[in-house]
Amino acid sequence: MGCLVLLPEELVFNGDSLLSLSIKFLPITVLVLFALYSLTVIGYRVFTFNDCREDADALKLEIEAAKQSLSAKGYKF
């Protein structure tokens, strides 16, 4: 025996049921939601990124030392 499901008339839209339309647009909806989630996570991580001033200063000193060492060997900057 089969199962017969009747949909109310307000759930029918131009010949397609609301369930049919939901299934058709489900991949697009999932893609949009994933994109919004990804942008939210990236934005949060960018705004809460730690700034390491001490390490930046140490790196600048190492770069200057490397420039001086290479200049002594004949490289020009």
N, C-alpha and C. Protein backbone atom coordinates (compact mmCIF):
# COMPACT_ATOMS: atom_id res chain seq x y z
N MET A 1 0.84 -1.18 0.00
CA MET A 1 0.00 0.00 0.00
C MET A 1 0.88 1.24 0.00
N GLY A 2 0.49 2.17 -0.80
CA GLY A 2 1.24 3.41 -0.91
C GLY A 2 0.76 4.44 0.09
N CYS A 3 1.54 5.47 0.25
CA CYS A 3 1.20 6.55 1.17
C CYS A 3 0.84 7.78 0.33
N LEU A 4 -0.25 8.39 0.62
CA LEU A 4 -0.71 9.56 -0.12
C LEU A 4 -0.61 10.77 0.79
N VAL A 5 0.12 11.79 0.34
CA VAL A 5 0.28 13.01 1.12
C VAL A 5 -0.37 14.15 0.34
N LEU A 6 -1.25 14.86 0.97
CA LEU A 6 -1.90 16.01 0.35
C LEU A 6 -1.32 17.28 0.93
N LEU A 7 -0.91 18.18 0.04
CA LEU A 7 -0.36 19.45 0.48
C LEU A 7 -1.45 20.50 0.47
N PRO A 8 -1.49 21.35 1.49
CA PRO A 8 -2.47 22.44 1.48
C PRO A 8 -2.19 23.38 0.31
N GLU A 9 -3.19 24.06 -0.15
CA GLU A 9 -3.05 24.93 -1.31
C GLU A 9 -2.08 26.09 -1.08
N GLU A 10 -1.94 26.57 0.15
CA GLU A 10 -1.04 27.68 0.40
C GLU A 10 0.44 27.28 0.29
N LEU A 11 0.72 25.98 0.27
CA LEU A 11 2.10 25.52 0.11
C LEU A 11 2.45 25.27 -1.34
N VAL A 12 1.54 25.53 -2.26
CA VAL A 12 1.80 25.34 -3.68
C VAL A 12 2.08 26.70 -4.31
N PHE A 13 3.19 26.78 -5.05
CA PHE A 13 3.61 28.03 -5.66
C PHE A 13 3.90 27.77 -7.13
N ASN A 14 3.06 28.28 -8.01
CA ASN A 14 3.20 28.11 -9.46
C ASN A 14 3.42 26.64 -9.85
N GLY A 15 2.67 25.77 -9.30
CA GLY A 15 2.76 24.37 -9.66
C GLY A 15 3.81 23.60 -8.88
N ASP A 16 4.73 24.26 -8.20
CA ASP A 16 5.75 23.59 -7.39
C ASP A 16 5.37 23.71 -5.92
N SER A 17 5.55 22.65 -5.20
CA SER A 17 5.27 22.71 -3.78
C SER A 17 6.42 23.42 -3.07
N LEU A 18 6.16 23.88 -1.86
CA LEU A 18 7.18 24.56 -1.08
C LEU A 18 8.35 23.63 -0.79
N LEU A 19 8.06 22.36 -0.57
CA LEU A 19 9.12 21.38 -0.32
C LEU A 19 10.00 21.21 -1.55
N SER A 20 9.39 21.16 -2.71
CA SER A 20 10.14 21.03 -3.96
C SER A 20 11.04 22.24 -4.18
N LEU A 21 10.53 23.44 -3.93
CA LEU A 21 11.35 24.64 -4.07
C LEU A 21 12.49 24.66 -3.05
N SER A 22 12.21 24.21 -1.83
CA SER A 22 13.24 24.17 -0.80
C SER A 22 14.37 23.23 -1.20
N ILE A 23 14.02 22.10 -1.77
CA ILE A 23 15.04 21.14 -2.18
C ILE A 23 15.85 21.70 -3.36
N LYS A 24 15.21 22.40 -4.27
CA LYS A 24 15.91 22.97 -5.42
C LYS A 24 16.94 24.01 -4.99
N PHE A 25 16.60 24.83 -4.02
CA PHE A 25 17.48 25.92 -3.60
C PHE A 25 18.36 25.58 -2.41
N LEU A 26 18.32 24.34 -1.94
CA LEU A 26 19.12 23.94 -0.79
C LEU A 26 20.62 24.07 -1.04
N PRO A 27 21.17 23.64 -2.17
CA PRO A 27 22.63 23.80 -2.38
C PRO A 27 23.07 25.27 -2.38
N ILE A 28 22.28 26.14 -2.98
CA ILE A 28 22.63 27.55 -3.01
C ILE A 28 22.57 28.13 -1.60
N THR A 29 21.55 27.75 -0.85
CA THR A 29 21.40 28.23 0.52
C THR A 29 22.58 27.78 1.39
N VAL A 30 22.97 26.52 1.25
CA VAL A 30 24.10 26.00 2.02
C VAL A 30 25.38 26.73 1.64
N LEU A 31 25.58 26.98 0.35
CA LEU A 31 26.78 27.69 -0.11
C LEU A 31 26.83 29.11 0.44
N VAL A 32 25.72 29.81 0.43
CA VAL A 32 25.66 31.18 0.95
C VAL A 32 25.92 31.18 2.45
N LEU A 33 25.33 30.25 3.17
CA LEU A 33 25.55 30.18 4.62
C LEU A 33 27.01 29.87 4.94
N PHE A 34 27.62 28.97 4.18
CA PHE A 34 29.03 28.65 4.39
C PHE A 34 29.91 29.86 4.12
N ALA A 35 29.59 30.60 3.06
CA ALA A 35 30.37 31.81 2.74
C ALA A 35 30.25 32.85 3.86
N LEU A 36 29.06 33.04 4.37
CA LEU A 36 28.87 33.99 5.47
C LEU A 36 29.63 33.55 6.71
N TYR A 37 29.58 32.26 7.03
CA TYR A 37 30.32 31.75 8.18
C TYR A 37 31.82 31.95 7.99
N SER A 38 32.32 31.65 6.79
CA SER A 38 33.75 31.79 6.51
C SER A 38 34.19 33.24 6.64
N LEU A 39 33.43 34.15 6.09
CA LEU A 39 33.78 35.57 6.18
C LEU A 39 33.74 36.06 7.63
N THR A 40 32.80 35.56 8.39
CA THR A 40 32.71 35.94 9.80
C THR A 40 33.93 35.45 10.57
N VAL A 41 34.33 34.21 10.34
CA VAL A 41 35.50 33.66 11.04
C VAL A 41 36.77 34.39 10.63
N ILE A 42 36.94 34.66 9.34
CA ILE A 42 38.13 35.37 8.87
C ILE A 42 38.17 36.78 9.45
N GLY A 43 37.05 37.48 9.45
CA GLY A 43 36.99 38.83 10.02
C GLY A 43 37.32 38.83 11.49
N TYR A 44 36.80 37.86 12.24
CA TYR A 44 37.07 37.77 13.67
C TYR A 44 38.56 37.52 13.92
N ARG A 45 39.14 36.60 13.14
CA ARG A 45 40.56 36.27 13.33
C ARG A 45 41.46 37.45 12.97
N VAL A 46 41.09 38.22 11.97
CA VAL A 46 41.89 39.39 11.58
C VAL A 46 41.83 40.45 12.68
N PHE A 47 40.66 40.70 13.22
CA PHE A 47 40.53 41.75 14.24
C PHE A 47 41.11 41.35 15.58
N THR A 48 41.24 40.06 15.86
CA THR A 48 41.79 39.62 17.14
C THR A 48 43.23 39.12 17.00
N PHE A 49 43.88 39.43 15.87
CA PHE A 49 45.25 39.00 15.65
C PHE A 49 46.18 39.72 16.61
N ASN A 50 47.08 38.96 17.25
CA ASN A 50 48.02 39.54 18.22
C ASN A 50 49.13 40.28 17.50
N ASP A 51 49.53 41.40 18.07
CA ASP A 51 50.61 42.20 17.52
C ASP A 51 51.85 41.99 18.40
N CYS A 52 52.93 41.54 17.82
CA CYS A 52 54.14 41.22 18.58
C CYS A 52 55.20 42.27 18.29
N ARG A 53 55.19 43.36 19.02
CA ARG A 53 56.13 44.46 18.79
C ARG A 53 57.57 44.05 19.06
N GLU A 54 57.79 43.27 20.13
CA GLU A 54 59.16 42.88 20.48
C GLU A 54 59.77 42.02 19.38
N ASP A 55 59.00 41.08 18.86
CA ASP A 55 59.50 40.21 17.80
C ASP A 55 59.73 41.00 16.51
N ALA A 56 58.89 41.98 16.24
CA ALA A 56 59.08 42.81 15.05
C ALA A 56 60.38 43.61 15.15
N ASP A 57 60.64 44.15 16.33
CA ASP A 57 61.89 44.90 16.53
C ASP A 57 63.11 43.99 16.40
N ALA A 58 63.02 42.79 16.95
CA ALA A 58 64.14 41.83 16.85
C ALA A 58 64.37 41.44 15.40
N LEU A 59 63.31 41.28 14.64
CA LEU A 59 63.44 40.94 13.23
C LEU A 59 64.08 42.07 12.43
N LYS A 60 63.72 43.31 12.75
CA LYS A 60 64.34 44.46 12.08
C LYS A 60 65.84 44.52 12.36
N LEU A 61 66.24 44.22 13.60
CA LEU A 61 67.66 44.20 13.93
C LEU A 61 68.39 43.11 13.15
N GLU A 62 67.77 41.93 13.02
CA GLU A 62 68.38 40.84 12.27
C GLU A 62 68.51 41.21 10.78
N ILE A 63 67.52 41.90 10.24
CA ILE A 63 67.57 42.32 8.84
C ILE A 63 68.71 43.32 8.63
N GLU A 64 68.85 44.27 9.54
CA GLU A 64 69.95 45.23 9.43
C GLU A 64 71.31 44.54 9.53
N ALA A 65 71.43 43.57 10.43
CA ALA A 65 72.69 42.84 10.56
C ALA A 65 72.99 42.05 9.28
N ALA A 66 71.96 41.46 8.69
CA ALA A 66 72.15 40.71 7.45
C ALA A 66 72.54 41.65 6.31
N LYS A 67 71.94 42.85 6.26
CA LYS A 67 72.30 43.83 5.22
C LYS A 67 73.76 44.25 5.36
N GLN A 68 74.17 44.49 6.60
CA GLN A 68 75.57 44.89 6.82
C GLN A 68 76.52 43.77 6.44
N SER A 69 76.18 42.56 6.77
CA SER A 69 77.02 41.42 6.44
C SER A 69 77.12 41.23 4.93
N LEU A 70 75.99 41.35 4.24
CA LEU A 70 76.00 41.19 2.78
C LEU A 70 76.67 42.37 2.09
N SER A 71 76.53 43.58 2.67
CA SER A 71 77.22 44.74 2.10
C SER A 71 78.73 44.58 2.19
N ALA A 72 79.18 43.97 3.26
CA ALA A 72 80.61 43.73 3.43
C ALA A 72 81.12 42.73 2.37
N LYS A 73 80.25 41.87 1.89
CA LYS A 73 80.63 40.88 0.88
C LYS A 73 80.44 41.40 -0.54
N GLY A 74 79.94 42.66 -0.70
CA GLY A 74 79.86 43.26 -2.02
C GLY A 74 78.44 43.44 -2.57
N TYR A 75 77.43 43.04 -1.84
CA TYR A 75 76.06 43.24 -2.31
C TYR A 75 75.64 44.67 -2.05
N LYS A 76 74.82 45.23 -2.96
CA LYS A 76 74.33 46.60 -2.80
C LYS A 76 72.83 46.61 -2.59
N PHE A 77 72.38 47.47 -1.69
CA PHE A 77 70.95 47.58 -1.38
C PHE A 77 70.46 48.96 -1.66
